[in-house]
Amino acid sequence: SNIFLVDFFIYCPPLCVKEGQEGRKILYYHPHDTDIDRQIRTVGYCEGLVKFTETFGFDDPCESVHFQKTRLLFHQIENDICIAM
């Protein structure tokens, strides 16, 4: 099976203070020619997964989610800056 990178992005949730400003929290997105709406949906989905898992009170944050054909990886590199792929 081949392994390849579908998306890679860096985001900062506090940069989005109002609804409609979701694109502001995306600091970097690869591939760069991805439609902004897809970028916002993908970042929001990953952000939601991480926030959802925090409700279970684990000591460590969610670092990966495995699906049948894909895997998402998350890492908080600073207090408010996260990377995902």
Foldseek 3Di string as FASTA:
>chain_A
DDDDDDKKWKFFVVLDPDPPCLLRRTPDMPPPPDDSVVVSVVVVVVVVVQVVVVVVVDPDTDAWDDDPPDMKGKDAPDPGMIMMD
